[in-house]
């Protein structure tokens, strides 16, 4: 189960699960296939960074940063679209995506 936050018990279970002969390459490929790299990276970085192979953690970090940069481009495009709609009098309602107090 994917979770944004882990409590101490869950963190220990995670640590026990990856101890030993854990297939980190397969785990990385699986998280990419299911678009879970940002969530997995956050948990690895905050919970068990000391036992994750450095090259695997670096790959997760790289993908996470690329995803964040791509998301910023999407937010910028969304802001442009909303501004264009507003200029023509079209009211737009966001159902999904970024939220902030100032508009988007």
PDB file of N, CA and C in Angstrom:
ATOM      1  N   UNK A   1       0.840  -1.180   0.000  1.00  0.00           N
ATOM      2  CA  UNK A   1       0.000   0.000   0.000  1.00  0.00           C
ATOM      3  C   UNK A   1       0.885   1.243   0.000  1.00  0.00           C
ATOM      4  N   UNK A   2       0.573   2.198  -0.845  1.00  0.00           N
ATOM      5  CA  UNK A   2       1.316   3.448  -0.918  1.00  0.00           C
ATOM      6  C   UNK A   2       0.768   4.416   0.126  1.00  0.00           C
ATOM      7  N   UNK A   3       1.672   5.045   0.842  1.00  0.00           N
ATOM      8  CA  UNK A   3       1.271   6.001   1.876  1.00  0.00           C
ATOM      9  C   UNK A   3       2.162   7.238   1.821  1.00  0.00           C
ATOM     10  N   UNK A   4       1.567   8.373   2.079  1.00  0.00           N
ATOM     11  CA  UNK A   4       2.336   9.609   2.095  1.00  0.00           C
ATOM     12  C   UNK A   4       3.199   9.713   3.344  1.00  0.00           C
ATOM     13  N   UNK A   5       2.722   9.194   4.446  1.00  0.00           N
ATOM     14  CA  UNK A   5       3.449   9.246   5.716  1.00  0.00           C
ATOM     15  C   UNK A   5       3.503   7.856   6.331  1.00  0.00           C
ATOM     16  N   UNK A   6       4.631   7.542   6.951  1.00  0.00           N
ATOM     17  CA  UNK A   6       4.769   6.273   7.654  1.00  0.00           C
ATOM     18  C   UNK A   6       4.970   6.536   9.137  1.00  0.00           C
ATOM     19  N   UNK A   7       4.289   5.756   9.975  1.00  0.00           N
ATOM     20  CA  UNK A   7       4.560   5.858  11.391  1.00  0.00           C
ATOM     21  C   UNK A   7       5.784   5.000  11.714  1.00  0.00           C
ATOM     22  N   UNK A   8       6.203   4.989  12.957  1.00  0.00           N
ATOM     23  CA  UNK A   8       7.423   4.280  13.353  1.00  0.00           C
ATOM     24  C   UNK A   8       7.344   2.778  13.063  1.00  0.00           C
ATOM     25  N   UNK A   9       6.209   2.171  13.362  1.00  0.00           N
ATOM     26  CA  UNK A   9       6.041   0.737  13.117  1.00  0.00           C
ATOM     27  C   UNK A   9       6.119   0.416  11.622  1.00  0.00           C
ATOM     28  N   UNK A  10       5.468   1.223  10.810  1.00  0.00           N
ATOM     29  CA  UNK A  10       5.498   1.015   9.364  1.00  0.00           C
ATOM     30  C   UNK A  10       6.909   1.207   8.812  1.00  0.00           C
ATOM     31  N   UNK A  11       7.618   2.168   9.362  1.00  0.00           N
ATOM     32  CA  UNK A  11       8.993   2.420   8.948  1.00  0.00           C
ATOM     33  C   UNK A  11       9.876   1.205   9.264  1.00  0.00           C
ATOM     34  N   UNK A  12       9.682   0.627  10.423  1.00  0.00           N
ATOM     35  CA  UNK A  12      10.452  -0.569  10.798  1.00  0.00           C
ATOM     36  C   UNK A  12      10.099  -1.758   9.913  1.00  0.00           C
ATOM     37  N   UNK A  13       8.822  -1.908   9.567  1.00  0.00           N
ATOM     38  CA  UNK A  13       8.425  -2.987   8.654  1.00  0.00           C
ATOM     39  C   UNK A  13       9.031  -2.786   7.271  1.00  0.00           C
ATOM     40  N   UNK A  14       9.080  -1.544   6.818  1.00  0.00           N
ATOM     41  CA  UNK A  14       9.710  -1.237   5.545  1.00  0.00           C
ATOM     42  C   UNK A  14      11.190  -1.598   5.593  1.00  0.00           C
ATOM     43  N   UNK A  15      11.851  -1.202   6.656  1.00  0.00           N
ATOM     44  CA  UNK A  15      13.277  -1.492   6.830  1.00  0.00           C
ATOM     45  C   UNK A  15      13.521  -3.004   6.807  1.00  0.00           C
ATOM     46  N   UNK A  16      12.678  -3.764   7.489  1.00  0.00           N
ATOM     47  CA  UNK A  16      12.823  -5.224   7.519  1.00  0.00           C
ATOM     48  C   UNK A  16      12.549  -5.832   6.145  1.00  0.00           C
ATOM     49  N   UNK A  17      11.627  -5.255   5.407  1.00  0.00           N
ATOM     50  CA  UNK A  17      11.268  -5.779   4.087  1.00  0.00           C
ATOM     51  C   UNK A  17      12.398  -5.654   3.079  1.00  0.00           C
ATOM     52  N   UNK A  18      13.182  -4.596   3.177  1.00  0.00           N
ATOM     53  CA  UNK A  18      14.234  -4.371   2.185  1.00  0.00           C
ATOM     54  C   UNK A  18      15.596  -4.873   2.636  1.00  0.00           C
ATOM     55  N   UNK A  19      15.674  -5.373   3.859  1.00  0.00           N
ATOM     56  CA  UNK A  19      16.946  -5.903   4.358  1.00  0.00           C
ATOM     57  C   UNK A  19      17.293  -7.181   3.599  1.00  0.00           C
ATOM     58  N   UNK A  20      18.567  -7.401   3.398  1.00  0.00           N
ATOM     59  CA  UNK A  20      18.984  -8.634   2.738  1.00  0.00           C
ATOM     60  C   UNK A  20      19.035  -8.505   1.235  1.00  0.00           C
ATOM     61  N   UNK A  21      18.493  -9.483   0.556  1.00  0.00           N
ATOM     62  CA  UNK A  21      18.615  -9.546  -0.901  1.00  0.00           C
ATOM     63  C   UNK A  21      17.404  -8.922  -1.607  1.00  0.00           C
ATOM     64  N   UNK A  22      17.160  -7.693  -1.344  1.00  0.00           N
ATOM     65  CA  UNK A  22      16.060  -6.958  -1.978  1.00  0.00           C
ATOM     66  C   UNK A  22      16.479  -6.553  -3.390  1.00  0.00           C
ATOM     67  N   UNK A  23      15.594  -6.719  -4.365  1.00  0.00           N
ATOM     68  CA  UNK A  23      15.888  -6.382  -5.759  1.00  0.00           C
ATOM     69  C   UNK A  23      15.538  -4.917  -6.023  1.00  0.00           C
ATOM     70  N   UNK A  24      16.497  -4.041  -5.782  1.00  0.00           N
ATOM     71  CA  UNK A  24      16.276  -2.609  -5.917  1.00  0.00           C
ATOM     72  C   UNK A  24      15.994  -2.202  -7.359  1.00  0.00           C
ATOM     73  N   UNK A  25      16.650  -2.841  -8.317  1.00  0.00           N
ATOM     74  CA  UNK A  25      16.405  -2.500  -9.723  1.00  0.00           C
ATOM     75  C   UNK A  25      14.961  -2.802 -10.120  1.00  0.00           C
ATOM     76  N   UNK A  26      14.469  -3.940  -9.690  1.00  0.00           N
ATOM     77  CA  UNK A  26      13.077  -4.294  -9.996  1.00  0.00           C
ATOM     78  C   UNK A  26      12.120  -3.314  -9.309  1.00  0.00           C
ATOM     79  N   UNK A  27      12.404  -2.978  -8.056  1.00  0.00           N
ATOM     80  CA  UNK A  27      11.569  -2.025  -7.324  1.00  0.00           C
ATOM     81  C   UNK A  27      11.529  -0.682  -8.048  1.00  0.00           C
ATOM     82  N   UNK A  28      12.676  -0.223  -8.512  1.00  0.00           N
ATOM     83  CA  UNK A  28      12.731   1.043  -9.249  1.00  0.00           C
ATOM     84  C   UNK A  28      11.876   0.970 -10.523  1.00  0.00           C
ATOM     85  N   UNK A  29      12.050  -0.102 -11.301  1.00  0.00           N
ATOM     86  CA  UNK A  29      11.275  -0.252 -12.527  1.00  0.00           C
ATOM     87  C   UNK A  29       9.774  -0.313 -12.233  1.00  0.00           C
ATOM     88  N   UNK A  30       9.414  -1.005 -11.175  1.00  0.00           N
ATOM     89  CA  UNK A  30       8.007  -1.132 -10.795  1.00  0.00           C
ATOM     90  C   UNK A  30       7.413   0.220 -10.405  1.00  0.00           C
ATOM     91  N   UNK A  31       8.148   1.009  -9.634  1.00  0.00           N
ATOM     92  CA  UNK A  31       7.633   2.328  -9.242  1.00  0.00           C
ATOM     93  C   UNK A  31       7.490   3.244 -10.452  1.00  0.00           C
ATOM     94  N   UNK A  32       8.409   3.134 -11.406  1.00  0.00           N
ATOM     95  CA  UNK A  32       8.279   3.930 -12.641  1.00  0.00           C
ATOM     96  C   UNK A  32       7.060   3.496 -13.433  1.00  0.00           C
ATOM     97  N   UNK A  33       6.859   2.200 -13.565  1.00  0.00           N
ATOM     98  CA  UNK A  33       5.725   1.689 -14.338  1.00  0.00           C
ATOM     99  C   UNK A  33       4.406   2.174 -13.759  1.00  0.00           C
ATOM    100  N   UNK A  34       4.340   2.287 -12.441  1.00  0.00           N
ATOM    101  CA  UNK A  34       3.093   2.678 -11.788  1.00  0.00           C
ATOM    102  C   UNK A  34       3.065   4.154 -11.387  1.00  0.00           C
ATOM    103  N   UNK A  35       4.007   4.930 -11.897  1.00  0.00           N
ATOM    104  CA  UNK A  35       4.083   6.381 -11.633  1.00  0.00           C
ATOM    105  C   UNK A  35       4.125   6.699 -10.141  1.00  0.00           C
ATOM    106  N   UNK A  36       4.912   5.940  -9.413  1.00  0.00           N
ATOM    107  CA  UNK A  36       5.024   6.138  -7.967  1.00  0.00           C
ATOM    108  C   UNK A  36       6.410   6.611  -7.537  1.00  0.00           C
ATOM    109  N   UNK A  37       7.223   7.049  -8.485  1.00  0.00           N
ATOM    110  CA  UNK A  37       8.581   7.465  -8.142  1.00  0.00           C
ATOM    111  C   UNK A  37       8.596   8.585  -7.096  1.00  0.00           C
ATOM    112  N   UNK A  38       7.796   9.653  -7.240  1.00  0.00           N
ATOM    113  CA  UNK A  38       7.854  10.707  -6.217  1.00  0.00           C
ATOM    114  C   UNK A  38       7.499  10.194  -4.811  1.00  0.00           C
ATOM    115  N   UNK A  39       6.470   9.381  -4.708  1.00  0.00           N
ATOM    116  CA  UNK A  39       6.074   8.846  -3.407  1.00  0.00           C
ATOM    117  C   UNK A  39       7.139   7.902  -2.854  1.00  0.00           C
ATOM    118  N   UNK A  40       7.653   7.018  -3.704  1.00  0.00           N
ATOM    119  CA  UNK A  40       8.681   6.078  -3.254  1.00  0.00           C
ATOM    120  C   UNK A  40       9.942   6.839  -2.840  1.00  0.00           C
ATOM    121  N   UNK A  41      10.342   7.823  -3.631  1.00  0.00           N
ATOM    122  CA  UNK A  41      11.539   8.598  -3.294  1.00  0.00           C
ATOM    123  C   UNK A  41      11.382   9.282  -1.932  1.00  0.00           C
ATOM    124  N   UNK A  42      10.237   9.856  -1.712  1.00  0.00           N
ATOM    125  CA  UNK A  42      10.012  10.541  -0.431  1.00  0.00           C
ATOM    126  C   UNK A  42      10.179   9.572   0.742  1.00  0.00           C
ATOM    127  N   UNK A  43       9.608   8.383   0.609  1.00  0.00           N
ATOM    128  CA  UNK A  43       9.723   7.409   1.696  1.00  0.00           C
ATOM    129  C   UNK A  43      11.154   6.906   1.853  1.00  0.00           C
ATOM    130  N   UNK A  44      11.814   6.632   0.741  1.00  0.00           N
ATOM    131  CA  UNK A  44      13.197   6.164   0.821  1.00  0.00           C
ATOM    132  C   UNK A  44      14.089   7.221   1.459  1.00  0.00           C
ATOM    133  N   UNK A  45      13.937   8.452   1.020  1.00  0.00           N
ATOM    134  CA  UNK A  45      14.766   9.553   1.519  1.00  0.00           C
ATOM    135  C   UNK A  45      14.517   9.828   2.999  1.00  0.00           C
ATOM    136  N   UNK A  46      13.261   9.796   3.423  1.00  0.00           N
ATOM    137  CA  UNK A  46      12.937  10.156   4.805  1.00  0.00           C
ATOM    138  C   UNK A  46      12.995   8.989   5.775  1.00  0.00           C
ATOM    139  N   UNK A  47      12.810   7.775   5.291  1.00  0.00           N
ATOM    140  CA  UNK A  47      12.653   6.648   6.202  1.00  0.00           C
ATOM    141  C   UNK A  47      13.844   5.705   6.270  1.00  0.00           C
ATOM    142  N   UNK A  48      14.417   5.382   5.104  1.00  0.00           N
ATOM    143  CA  UNK A  48      15.457   4.344   5.106  1.00  0.00           C
ATOM    144  C   UNK A  48      16.645   4.699   4.225  1.00  0.00           C
ATOM    145  N   UNK A  49      16.928   5.948   4.070  1.00  0.00           N
ATOM    146  CA  UNK A  49      17.998   6.395   3.183  1.00  0.00           C
ATOM    147  C   UNK A  49      19.344   5.742   3.498  1.00  0.00           C
ATOM    148  N   UNK A  50      19.561   5.400   4.743  1.00  0.00           N
ATOM    149  CA  UNK A  50      20.835   4.820   5.141  1.00  0.00           C
ATOM    150  C   UNK A  50      21.055   3.402   4.626  1.00  0.00           C
ATOM    151  N   UNK A  51      20.002   2.701   4.195  1.00  0.00           N
ATOM    152  CA  UNK A  51      20.176   1.333   3.698  1.00  0.00           C
ATOM    153  C   UNK A  51      19.855   1.177   2.214  1.00  0.00           C
ATOM    154  N   UNK A  52      19.488   2.280   1.555  1.00  0.00           N
ATOM    155  CA  UNK A  52      19.227   2.233   0.111  1.00  0.00           C
ATOM    156  C   UNK A  52      20.566   2.401  -0.605  1.00  0.00           C
ATOM    157  N   UNK A  53      20.858   1.538  -1.595  1.00  0.00           N
ATOM    158  CA  UNK A  53      22.110   1.718  -2.347  1.00  0.00           C
ATOM    159  C   UNK A  53      22.170   3.126  -2.942  1.00  0.00           C
ATOM    160  N   UNK A  54      23.309   3.805  -2.805  1.00  0.00           N
ATOM    161  CA  UNK A  54      23.420   5.193  -3.265  1.00  0.00           C
ATOM    162  C   UNK A  54      23.031   5.401  -4.723  1.00  0.00           C
ATOM    163  N   UNK A  55      23.385   4.467  -5.608  1.00  0.00           N
ATOM    164  CA  UNK A  55      23.041   4.649  -7.017  1.00  0.00           C
ATOM    165  C   UNK A  55      21.535   4.571  -7.243  1.00  0.00           C
ATOM    166  N   UNK A  56      20.851   3.732  -6.487  1.00  0.00           N
ATOM    167  CA  UNK A  56      19.391   3.629  -6.592  1.00  0.00           C
ATOM    168  C   UNK A  56      18.741   4.908  -6.061  1.00  0.00           C
ATOM    169  N   UNK A  57      19.203   5.370  -4.899  1.00  0.00           N
ATOM    170  CA  UNK A  57      18.648   6.602  -4.327  1.00  0.00           C
ATOM    171  C   UNK A  57      18.880   7.777  -5.275  1.00  0.00           C
ATOM    172  N   UNK A  58      20.049   7.819  -5.910  1.00  0.00           N
ATOM    173  CA  UNK A  58      20.348   8.887  -6.863  1.00  0.00           C
ATOM    174  C   UNK A  58      19.412   8.829  -8.065  1.00  0.00           C
ATOM    175  N   UNK A  59      19.099   7.622  -8.558  1.00  0.00           N
ATOM    176  CA  UNK A  59      18.186   7.484  -9.699  1.00  0.00           C
ATOM    177  C   UNK A  59      16.781   7.961  -9.321  1.00  0.00           C
ATOM    178  N   UNK A  60      16.327   7.589  -8.120  1.00  0.00           N
ATOM    179  CA  UNK A  60      15.029   8.066  -7.646  1.00  0.00           C
ATOM    180  C   UNK A  60      15.037   9.592  -7.532  1.00  0.00           C
ATOM    181  N   UNK A  61      16.127  10.142  -6.977  1.00  0.00           N
ATOM    182  CA  UNK A  61      16.239  11.597  -6.812  1.00  0.00           C
ATOM    183  C   UNK A  61      16.180  12.287  -8.175  1.00  0.00           C
ATOM    184  N   UNK A  62      16.917  11.764  -9.144  1.00  0.00           N
ATOM    185  CA  UNK A  62      16.937  12.349 -10.490  1.00  0.00           C
ATOM    186  C   UNK A  62      15.543  12.338 -11.108  1.00  0.00           C
ATOM    187  N   UNK A  63      14.865  11.204 -11.044  1.00  0.00           N
ATOM    188  CA  UNK A  63      13.513  11.112 -11.608  1.00  0.00           C
ATOM    189  C   UNK A  63      12.545  12.027 -10.873  1.00  0.00           C
ATOM    190  N   UNK A  64      12.695  12.106  -9.556  1.00  0.00           N
ATOM    191  CA  UNK A  64      11.835  12.984  -8.754  1.00  0.00           C
ATOM    192  C   UNK A  64      12.025  14.446  -9.169  1.00  0.00           C
ATOM    193  N   UNK A  65      13.270  14.866  -9.356  1.00  0.00           N
ATOM    194  CA  UNK A  65      13.555  16.240  -9.756  1.00  0.00           C
ATOM    195  C   UNK A  65      13.033  16.531 -11.168  1.00  0.00           C
ATOM    196  N   UNK A  66      13.190  15.577 -12.070  1.00  0.00           N
ATOM    197  CA  UNK A  66      12.662  15.748 -13.423  1.00  0.00           C
ATOM    198  C   UNK A  66      11.139  15.865 -13.405  1.00  0.00           C
ATOM    199  N   UNK A  67      10.504  15.062 -12.575  1.00  0.00           N
ATOM    200  CA  UNK A  67       9.046  15.114 -12.443  1.00  0.00           C
ATOM    201  C   UNK A  67       8.604  16.477 -11.889  1.00  0.00           C
ATOM    202  N   UNK A  68       9.324  16.964 -10.891  1.00  0.00           N
ATOM    203  CA  UNK A  68       8.983  18.271 -10.310  1.00  0.00           C
ATOM    204  C   UNK A  68       9.138  19.384 -11.350  1.00  0.00           C
ATOM    205  N   UNK A  69      10.204  19.329 -12.143  1.00  0.00           N
ATOM    206  CA  UNK A  69      10.419  20.345 -13.183  1.00  0.00           C
ATOM    207  C   UNK A  69       9.307  20.285 -14.232  1.00  0.00           C
ATOM    208  N   UNK A  70       8.937  19.078 -14.628  1.00  0.00           N
ATOM    209  CA  UNK A  70       7.846  18.907 -15.610  1.00  0.00           C
ATOM    210  C   UNK A  70       6.536  19.458 -15.041  1.00  0.00           C
ATOM    211  N   UNK A  71       6.285  19.195 -13.773  1.00  0.00           N
ATOM    212  CA  UNK A  71       5.062  19.698 -13.147  1.00  0.00           C
ATOM    213  C   UNK A  71       5.028  21.218 -13.118  1.00  0.00           C
ATOM    214  N   UNK A  72       6.173  21.859 -12.919  1.00  0.00           N
ATOM    215  CA  UNK A  72       6.222  23.328 -12.946  1.00  0.00           C
ATOM    216  C   UNK A  72       5.860  23.864 -14.334  1.00  0.00           C
ATOM    217  N   UNK A  73       6.308  23.174 -15.359  1.00  0.00           N
ATOM    218  CA  UNK A  73       5.947  23.567 -16.727  1.00  0.00           C
ATOM    219  C   UNK A  73       4.433  23.445 -16.921  1.00  0.00           C
ATOM    220  N   UNK A  74       3.858  22.361 -16.427  1.00  0.00           N
ATOM    221  CA  UNK A  74       2.408  22.164 -16.537  1.00  0.00           C
ATOM    222  C   UNK A  74       1.640  23.234 -15.765  1.00  0.00           C
ATOM    223  N   UNK A  75       2.114  23.598 -14.587  1.00  0.00           N
ATOM    224  CA  UNK A  75       1.446  24.639 -13.794  1.00  0.00           C
ATOM    225  C   UNK A  75       1.493  25.971 -14.533  1.00  0.00           C
ATOM    226  N   UNK A  76       2.639  26.273 -15.142  1.00  0.00           N
ATOM    227  CA  UNK A  76       2.764  27.507 -15.904  1.00  0.00           C
ATOM    228  C   UNK A  76       1.790  27.522 -17.084  1.00  0.00           C
ATOM    229  N   UNK A  77       1.684  26.400 -17.774  1.00  0.00           N
ATOM    230  CA  UNK A  77       0.755  26.301 -18.902  1.00  0.00           C
ATOM    231  C   UNK A  77      -0.686  26.445 -18.425  1.00  0.00           C
ATOM    232  N   UNK A  78      -1.008  25.829 -17.302  1.00  0.00           N
ATOM    233  CA  UNK A  78      -2.354  25.937 -16.752  1.00  0.00           C
ATOM    234  C   UNK A  78      -2.680  27.390 -16.397  1.00  0.00           C
ATOM    235  N   UNK A  79      -1.716  28.081 -15.783  1.00  0.00           N
ATOM    236  CA  UNK A  79      -1.930  29.489 -15.440  1.00  0.00           C
ATOM    237  C   UNK A  79      -2.181  30.314 -16.702  1.00  0.00           C
ATOM    238  N   UNK A  80      -1.442  30.033 -17.770  1.00  0.00           N
ATOM    239  CA  UNK A  80      -1.641  30.756 -19.033  1.00  0.00           C
ATOM    240  C   UNK A  80      -3.034  30.493 -19.598  1.00  0.00           C
ATOM    241  N   UNK A  81      -3.460  29.241 -19.552  1.00  0.00           N
ATOM    242  CA  UNK A  81      -4.798  28.901 -20.047  1.00  0.00           C
ATOM    243  C   UNK A  81      -5.888  29.597 -19.231  1.00  0.00           C
ATOM    244  N   UNK A  82      -5.736  29.584 -17.918  1.00  0.00           N
ATOM    245  CA  UNK A  82      -6.741  30.229 -17.065  1.00  0.00           C
ATOM    246  C   UNK A  82      -6.794  31.730 -17.313  1.00  0.00           C
ATOM    247  N   UNK A  83      -5.620  32.338 -17.518  1.00  0.00           N
ATOM    248  CA  UNK A  83      -5.590  33.768 -17.835  1.00  0.00           C
ATOM    249  C   UNK A  83      -6.287  34.036 -19.171  1.00  0.00           C
ATOM    250  N   UNK A  84      -6.029  33.205 -20.156  1.00  0.00           N
ATOM    251  CA  UNK A  84      -6.667  33.379 -21.470  1.00  0.00           C
ATOM    252  C   UNK A  84      -8.178  33.221 -21.360  1.00  0.00           C
ATOM    253  N   UNK A  85      -8.620  32.222 -20.614  1.00  0.00           N
ATOM    254  CA  UNK A  85     -10.060  32.045 -20.404  1.00  0.00           C
ATOM    255  C   UNK A  85     -10.657  33.267 -19.715  1.00  0.00           C
ATOM    256  N   UNK A  86      -9.997  33.753 -18.680  1.00  0.00           N
ATOM    257  CA  UNK A  86     -10.507  34.898 -17.918  1.00  0.00           C
ATOM    258  C   UNK A  86     -10.617  36.141 -18.809  1.00  0.00           C
ATOM    259  N   UNK A  87      -9.644  36.355 -19.673  1.00  0.00           N
ATOM    260  CA  UNK A  87      -9.666  37.520 -20.575  1.00  0.00           C
ATOM    261  C   UNK A  87     -10.845  37.471 -21.541  1.00  0.00           C
ATOM    262  N   UNK A  88     -11.314  36.283 -21.864  1.00  0.00           N
ATOM    263  CA  UNK A  88     -12.443  36.174 -22.796  1.00  0.00           C
ATOM    264  C   UNK A  88     -13.769  35.964 -22.071  1.00  0.00           C
ATOM    265  N   UNK A  89     -13.726  36.037 -20.740  1.00  0.00           N
ATOM    266  CA  UNK A  89     -14.950  35.914 -19.963  1.00  0.00           C
ATOM    267  C   UNK A  89     -15.394  34.485 -19.696  1.00  0.00           C
ATOM    268  N   UNK A  90     -14.533  33.539 -19.939  1.00  0.00           N
ATOM    269  CA  UNK A  90     -14.871  32.134 -19.669  1.00  0.00           C
ATOM    270  C   UNK A  90     -14.419  31.772 -18.258  1.00  0.00           C
ATOM    271  N   UNK A  91     -15.375  31.316 -17.471  1.00  0.00           N
ATOM    272  CA  UNK A  91     -15.040  30.900 -16.110  1.00  0.00           C
ATOM    273  C   UNK A  91     -14.617  29.438 -16.126  1.00  0.00           C
ATOM    274  N   UNK A  92     -13.461  29.150 -15.572  1.00  0.00           N
ATOM    275  CA  UNK A  92     -12.944  27.781 -15.550  1.00  0.00           C
ATOM    276  C   UNK A  92     -12.904  27.274 -14.110  1.00  0.00           C
ATOM    277  N   UNK A  93     -13.228  26.033 -13.944  1.00  0.00           N
ATOM    278  CA  UNK A  93     -13.187  25.396 -12.631  1.00  0.00           C
ATOM    279  C   UNK A  93     -12.204  24.242 -12.693  1.00  0.00           C
ATOM    280  N   UNK A  94     -11.239  24.247 -11.796  1.00  0.00           N
ATOM    281  CA  UNK A  94     -10.257  23.157 -11.737  1.00  0.00           C
ATOM    282  C   UNK A  94     -10.817  22.029 -10.880  1.00  0.00           C
ATOM    283  N   UNK A  95     -10.814  20.854 -11.427  1.00  0.00           N
ATOM    284  CA  UNK A  95     -11.250  19.683 -10.682  1.00  0.00           C
ATOM    285  C   UNK A  95     -10.071  18.914 -10.103  1.00  0.00           C
ATOM    286  N   UNK A  96      -8.929  19.071 -10.716  1.00  0.00           N
ATOM    287  CA  UNK A  96      -7.754  18.314 -10.338  1.00  0.00           C
ATOM    288  C   UNK A  96      -6.519  19.147 -10.639  1.00  0.00           C
ATOM    289  N   UNK A  97      -5.493  18.987  -9.852  1.00  0.00           N
ATOM    290  CA  UNK A  97      -4.254  19.695 -10.140  1.00  0.00           C
ATOM    291  C   UNK A  97      -3.826  20.588  -9.006  1.00  0.00           C
ATOM    292  N   UNK A  98      -2.957  21.548  -9.303  1.00  0.00           N
ATOM    293  CA  UNK A  98      -2.390  22.401  -8.270  1.00  0.00           C
ATOM    294  C   UNK A  98      -3.433  23.347  -7.675  1.00  0.00           C
ATOM    295  N   UNK A  99      -3.248  23.650  -6.396  1.00  0.00           N
ATOM    296  CA  UNK A  99      -4.119  24.600  -5.710  1.00  0.00           C
ATOM    297  C   UNK A  99      -3.273  25.557  -4.900  1.00  0.00           C
ATOM    298  N   UNK A 100      -3.693  26.783  -4.873  1.00  0.00           N
ATOM    299  CA  UNK A 100      -3.052  27.747  -3.985  1.00  0.00           C
ATOM    300  C   UNK A 100      -4.057  28.864  -3.715  1.00  0.00           C
ATOM    301  N   UNK A 101      -3.805  29.605  -2.675  1.00  0.00           N
ATOM    302  CA  UNK A 101      -4.745  30.632  -2.244  1.00  0.00           C
ATOM    303  C   UNK A 101      -4.876  31.750  -3.283  1.00  0.00           C
ATOM    304  N   UNK A 102      -3.845  31.983  -4.076  1.00  0.00           N
ATOM    305  CA  UNK A 102      -3.851  33.102  -5.008  1.00  0.00           C
ATOM    306  C   UNK A 102      -4.534  32.834  -6.333  1.00  0.00           C
ATOM    307  N   UNK A 103      -5.078  31.701  -6.570  1.00  0.00           N
ATOM    308  CA  UNK A 103      -5.746  31.485  -7.854  1.00  0.00           C
ATOM    309  C   UNK A 103      -5.729  30.030  -8.275  1.00  0.00           C
ATOM    310  N   UNK A 104      -4.600  29.615  -8.820  1.00  0.00           N
ATOM    311  CA  UNK A 104      -4.539  28.245  -9.333  1.00  0.00           C
ATOM    312  C   UNK A 104      -4.657  27.263  -8.198  1.00  0.00           C
TER     313      UNK A 104
END
